[in-house]
Amino acid sequence: MLPRLIATDLDGTLLDPAGQLRPRSAAALQAAADAGITIVFATGRPPIVATAEITAAGRGVHYGVMANGTIICTLPTVEVLHSITFATEVARRAVRALRADDLDYGFALASDRGFTAEAGFHQRMPVVHGPDEPVVDALVGHEGSEHTIKLLAFHHHHGAHELLVRMPPLLGDDLVVSHMGAEAVEIAPAGADKGVGLRWLCAHLGVAAHEVMVFGDEINDLPMFAAAGRRVAVENANPLVRDAADEIAPPNSQEGVAQVIERLLAG
């Protein structure tokens, strides 16, 4: 029996190691859409830094659970159906608190005024998103901003998994820290993750959890796994994600998501 909805992570899962949506994978998404399956991109990226992937998917994608579940939108039109943003002043306070603890933190910020990233951010990303030129202070350029879409943090001497332990006591209970699949972490409002976003979208569409199939590779995909009836991890996934999966697909370098979808449609 085919799922009614397929949600897939992008970086490390659907996209190849160079961050590209290959033709075979795009064709698999289109074939699934043609079979009546709703296709969802569930990603840590906000829509503004996924335009190439959305364009490449074309009619093969219908909705996005974007920015780790804080933006739910139609695709490719990017009509926002539901969003969880937070006040930019809260983001500023978080940056100030972390800098007061350790000046070796770096930041990237996406707000209603645009996107800025400090030196070292792009080198930690699987693919470069946004302006290539780093800024001295990620908060500069967001003066007058009211809403933050995404706040990312990294450290020049500590890895992302270390930051998951070091940062929460400095930020308080109203913000959560999650791993985004690179050597950086995301700071978001408490209660926002891919699972929350996917559940909202499924309720909006009238799709039950057992009718949902998800693909992922990183820790921030685990809440989404908990919201689905069938969970698939690519072979290159974090061990915790593989342990939570019902099935292991070939790695993203071999277009594992496409292989599973092709097999699914073949019956």
Protein backbone atom coordinates (compact mmCIF):
# COMPACT_ATOMS: atom_id res chain seq x y z
CA MET A 1 0.00 0.00 0.00
CA LEU A 2 1.42 3.38 -1.02
CA PRO A 3 1.80 6.12 1.60
CA ARG A 4 -0.38 9.18 1.18
CA LEU A 5 2.50 11.48 2.06
CA ILE A 6 6.30 11.26 1.77
CA ALA A 7 8.43 13.76 3.68
CA THR A 8 12.16 13.88 3.02
CA ASP A 9 15.05 15.78 4.48
CA LEU A 10 17.34 17.49 1.96
CA ASP A 11 21.01 17.81 2.97
CA GLY A 12 22.59 14.42 3.59
CA THR A 13 19.43 12.58 2.57
CA LEU A 14 17.75 13.47 -0.73
CA LEU A 15 20.60 15.64 -2.04
CA ASP A 16 23.93 14.15 -3.08
CA PRO A 17 27.14 14.92 -1.12
CA ALA A 18 27.65 18.04 -3.27
CA GLY A 19 24.22 19.31 -2.24
CA GLN A 20 22.59 18.70 -5.62
CA LEU A 21 19.20 17.20 -6.47
CA ARG A 22 20.17 14.77 -9.21
CA PRO A 23 17.83 14.05 -12.16
CA ARG A 24 17.05 10.50 -10.99
CA SER A 25 15.94 11.75 -7.58
CA ALA A 26 13.85 14.54 -9.10
CA ALA A 27 12.23 12.00 -11.44
CA ALA A 28 11.44 9.68 -8.52
CA LEU A 29 9.70 12.52 -6.68
CA GLN A 30 7.73 13.37 -9.81
CA ALA A 31 6.71 9.74 -10.30
CA ALA A 32 5.50 9.55 -6.71
CA ALA A 33 3.55 12.79 -7.14
CA ASP A 34 2.01 11.42 -10.34
CA ALA A 35 0.93 8.36 -8.34
CA GLY A 36 -1.04 10.66 -6.02
CA ILE A 37 1.46 10.87 -3.15
CA THR A 38 1.92 14.26 -1.48
CA ILE A 39 5.63 15.16 -1.44
CA VAL A 40 7.08 17.31 1.33
CA PHE A 41 10.55 18.79 1.79
CA ALA A 42 11.29 18.64 5.54
CA THR A 43 14.50 20.56 6.03
CA GLY A 44 16.45 22.80 8.34
CA ARG A 45 16.66 25.35 5.53
CA PRO A 46 14.19 28.23 5.24
CA PRO A 47 12.66 28.58 1.75
CA ILE A 48 15.02 31.43 0.82
CA VAL A 49 18.01 29.07 0.88
CA ALA A 50 16.29 26.16 -0.87
CA THR A 51 15.18 27.89 -4.07
CA ALA A 52 17.48 25.84 -6.34
CA GLU A 53 16.24 22.55 -4.89
CA ILE A 54 12.60 23.62 -5.04
CA THR A 55 13.05 24.66 -8.68
CA ALA A 56 14.83 21.40 -9.53
CA ALA A 57 11.96 19.37 -8.01
CA GLY A 58 9.35 21.30 -10.00
CA ARG A 59 5.94 19.65 -9.81
CA GLY A 60 7.50 16.83 -7.79
CA VAL A 61 7.10 18.67 -4.48
CA HIS A 62 3.93 20.09 -2.93
CA TYR A 63 4.72 21.36 0.58
CA GLY A 64 7.62 22.36 2.77
CA VAL A 65 8.23 21.82 6.48
CA MET A 66 11.03 24.35 6.42
CA ALA A 67 13.48 25.90 8.90
CA ASN A 68 13.22 22.84 11.17
CA GLY A 69 9.43 23.00 11.30
CA THR A 70 9.05 26.72 11.93
CA ILE A 71 7.72 27.48 8.42
CA ILE A 72 5.02 25.33 6.77
CA CYS A 73 4.35 26.38 3.19
CA THR A 74 3.17 25.31 -0.22
CA LEU A 75 5.84 24.51 -2.79
CA PRO A 76 6.98 25.67 -5.24
CA THR A 77 4.85 28.79 -4.63
CA VAL A 78 6.06 29.29 -1.01
CA GLU A 79 2.67 30.38 0.30
CA VAL A 80 3.12 30.30 4.08
CA LEU A 81 0.38 28.28 5.79
CA HIS A 82 1.77 28.36 9.32
CA SER A 83 4.89 29.79 10.95
CA ILE A 84 6.65 29.86 14.29
CA THR A 85 8.98 32.83 14.32
CA PHE A 86 10.46 34.57 17.33
CA ALA A 87 11.21 38.15 18.14
CA THR A 88 14.55 39.32 16.79
CA GLU A 89 15.23 40.88 20.20
CA VAL A 90 15.16 37.33 21.63
CA ALA A 91 17.74 36.32 19.01
CA ARG A 92 19.87 39.32 19.93
CA ARG A 93 19.73 38.36 23.61
CA ALA A 94 20.79 34.80 22.75
CA VAL A 95 23.78 36.05 20.76
CA ARG A 96 24.78 38.42 23.55
CA ALA A 97 24.51 35.66 26.19
CA LEU A 98 26.71 33.30 24.18
CA ARG A 99 29.28 35.99 23.40
CA ALA A 100 29.43 36.91 27.08
CA ASP A 101 30.32 33.28 27.82
CA ASP A 102 32.82 32.78 24.99
CA LEU A 103 33.91 35.10 22.18
CA ASP A 104 34.78 32.12 19.96
CA TYR A 105 31.12 31.59 19.06
CA GLY A 106 30.06 32.59 15.56
CA PHE A 107 26.58 33.21 14.19
CA ALA A 108 24.33 33.39 11.15
CA LEU A 109 20.95 35.08 11.25
CA ALA A 110 17.95 35.04 8.93
CA SER A 111 15.30 37.64 9.74
CA ASP A 112 12.68 39.72 7.98
CA ARG A 113 15.61 41.96 6.96
CA GLY A 114 17.63 39.25 5.19
CA PHE A 115 20.49 36.85 5.92
CA THR A 116 23.95 37.47 7.39
CA ALA A 117 26.73 35.06 8.37
CA GLU A 118 30.02 35.53 10.14
CA ALA A 119 33.37 34.16 8.94
CA GLY A 120 33.57 30.39 9.34
CA PHE A 121 29.87 29.70 8.83
CA HIS A 122 29.90 28.79 5.14
CA GLN A 123 32.89 26.48 5.61
CA ARG A 124 30.80 24.43 8.03
CA MET A 125 27.87 24.03 5.64
CA PRO A 126 27.47 21.11 3.19
CA VAL A 127 26.59 23.72 0.56
CA VAL A 128 26.99 27.49 0.59
CA HIS A 129 23.68 29.31 1.20
CA GLY A 130 23.10 33.02 1.04
CA PRO A 131 25.72 35.74 0.44
CA ASP A 132 29.28 34.44 0.21
CA GLU A 133 30.81 37.52 1.86
CA PRO A 134 31.01 37.12 5.66
CA VAL A 135 30.16 39.94 8.06
CA VAL A 136 31.98 40.92 11.24
CA ASP A 137 28.78 40.77 13.29
CA ALA A 138 25.73 38.76 12.19
CA LEU A 139 23.42 41.15 14.06
CA VAL A 140 24.43 44.09 11.87
CA GLY A 141 21.92 44.68 9.08
CA HIS A 142 18.97 43.46 11.12
CA GLU A 143 18.30 46.77 12.86
CA GLY A 144 14.56 47.33 12.97
CA SER A 145 13.85 43.65 12.35
CA GLU A 146 10.88 42.25 14.27
CA HIS A 147 10.91 38.56 13.36
CA THR A 148 13.73 36.01 13.27
CA ILE A 149 13.31 33.00 11.00
CA LYS A 150 16.55 31.22 11.87
CA LEU A 151 19.46 31.74 14.24
CA LEU A 152 22.49 29.49 13.79
CA ALA A 153 25.55 29.22 16.00
CA PHE A 154 28.94 27.57 15.67
CA HIS A 155 32.19 27.56 17.62
CA HIS A 156 35.72 27.90 16.32
CA HIS A 157 37.04 25.15 18.61
CA HIS A 158 34.05 22.97 19.56
CA GLY A 159 31.92 20.74 17.34
CA ALA A 160 28.15 20.85 17.01
CA HIS A 161 27.51 17.90 19.31
CA GLU A 162 29.49 19.61 22.07
CA LEU A 163 27.40 22.75 21.60
CA LEU A 164 24.21 20.74 22.18
CA VAL A 165 25.46 20.30 25.77
CA ARG A 166 27.22 23.64 26.33
CA MET A 167 24.61 26.07 25.02
CA PRO A 168 21.18 25.26 26.57
CA PRO A 169 22.07 26.39 30.13
CA LEU A 170 23.12 29.76 28.70
CA LEU A 171 19.89 30.33 26.76
CA GLY A 172 17.08 29.50 29.18
CA ASP A 173 13.91 27.45 28.77
CA ASP A 174 12.25 29.47 26.01
CA LEU A 175 14.84 28.48 23.38
CA VAL A 176 16.00 25.05 22.21
CA VAL A 177 19.23 24.00 20.49
CA SER A 178 19.16 21.37 17.74
CA HIS A 179 21.73 19.83 15.42
CA MET A 180 21.22 20.74 11.78
CA GLY A 181 23.48 18.17 10.14
CA ALA A 182 26.62 20.31 9.91
CA GLU A 183 29.17 21.77 12.34
CA ALA A 184 26.62 24.33 13.46
CA VAL A 185 23.47 24.26 15.57
CA GLU A 186 20.12 25.99 15.33
CA ILE A 187 18.57 28.06 18.09
CA ALA A 188 14.76 28.09 17.88
CA PRO A 189 11.68 28.68 20.02
CA ALA A 190 10.86 25.85 22.41
CA GLY A 191 8.35 23.46 20.85
CA ALA A 192 9.53 23.93 17.27
CA ASP A 193 10.94 20.96 15.35
CA LYS A 194 10.29 18.93 12.22
CA GLY A 195 7.91 16.61 14.07
CA VAL A 196 5.72 19.49 15.24
CA GLY A 197 5.72 20.95 11.73
CA LEU A 198 4.92 17.65 10.04
CA ARG A 199 2.07 16.92 12.47
CA TRP A 200 0.60 20.36 11.76
CA LEU A 201 0.75 19.78 8.01
CA CYS A 202 -0.75 16.28 8.27
CA ALA A 203 -3.62 17.61 10.38
CA HIS A 204 -4.13 20.39 7.82
CA LEU A 205 -4.27 17.83 4.99
CA GLY A 206 -6.21 15.15 6.89
CA VAL A 207 -3.39 12.60 6.65
CA ALA A 208 -2.94 10.09 9.49
CA ALA A 209 0.51 9.26 10.88
CA HIS A 210 0.39 5.67 9.63
CA GLU A 211 -0.04 7.03 6.07
CA VAL A 212 3.25 8.97 6.25
CA MET A 213 6.70 7.83 5.10
CA VAL A 214 9.77 9.87 6.03
CA PHE A 215 13.44 9.92 5.03
CA GLY A 216 16.25 11.40 7.11
CA ASP A 217 19.87 11.28 8.18
CA GLU A 218 20.42 13.56 11.18
CA ILE A 219 19.32 14.04 14.77
CA ASN A 220 16.96 16.87 13.83
CA ASP A 221 15.02 14.28 11.79
CA LEU A 222 14.18 12.18 14.85
CA PRO A 223 11.09 14.22 15.85
CA MET A 224 9.83 13.72 12.29
CA PHE A 225 10.47 9.98 12.59
CA ALA A 226 8.25 9.95 15.68
CA ALA A 227 5.41 11.51 13.64
CA ALA A 228 5.42 8.91 10.84
CA GLY A 229 4.30 5.36 10.32
CA ARG A 230 7.27 4.36 8.17
CA ARG A 231 10.77 5.67 8.83
CA VAL A 232 13.71 5.33 6.42
CA ALA A 233 17.30 6.36 7.18
CA VAL A 234 19.92 6.61 4.48
CA GLU A 235 23.03 4.49 5.05
CA ASN A 236 25.17 7.56 5.77
CA ALA A 237 22.84 8.65 8.59
CA ASN A 238 23.78 9.32 12.19
CA PRO A 239 23.74 6.00 14.14
CA LEU A 240 20.89 7.26 16.34
CA VAL A 241 18.79 7.89 13.23
CA ARG A 242 19.59 4.47 11.79
CA ASP A 243 18.56 2.88 15.09
CA ALA A 244 15.20 4.68 14.95
CA ALA A 245 14.49 3.64 11.35
CA ASP A 246 12.34 0.81 10.05
CA GLU A 247 14.50 0.57 6.93
CA ILE A 248 17.99 1.57 5.81
CA ALA A 249 18.27 2.95 2.28
CA PRO A 250 21.47 3.21 0.24
CA PRO A 251 23.49 6.37 0.99
CA ASN A 252 22.69 9.76 -0.48
CA SER A 253 25.71 9.36 -2.79
CA GLN A 254 23.78 6.50 -4.43
CA GLU A 255 20.41 8.33 -4.40
CA GLY A 256 18.98 6.01 -1.75
CA VAL A 257 15.73 7.97 -1.46
CA ALA A 258 15.12 7.59 -5.20
CA GLN A 259 15.87 3.85 -5.02
CA VAL A 260 13.33 3.31 -2.23
CA ILE A 261 10.65 5.35 -4.01
CA GLU A 262 11.25 3.52 -7.30
CA ARG A 263 10.92 0.18 -5.54
CA LEU A 264 7.80 1.36 -3.73
CA LEU A 265 6.10 2.45 -6.96
CA ALA A 266 7.10 -0.77 -8.73
CA GLY A 267 5.05 -2.68 -6.20
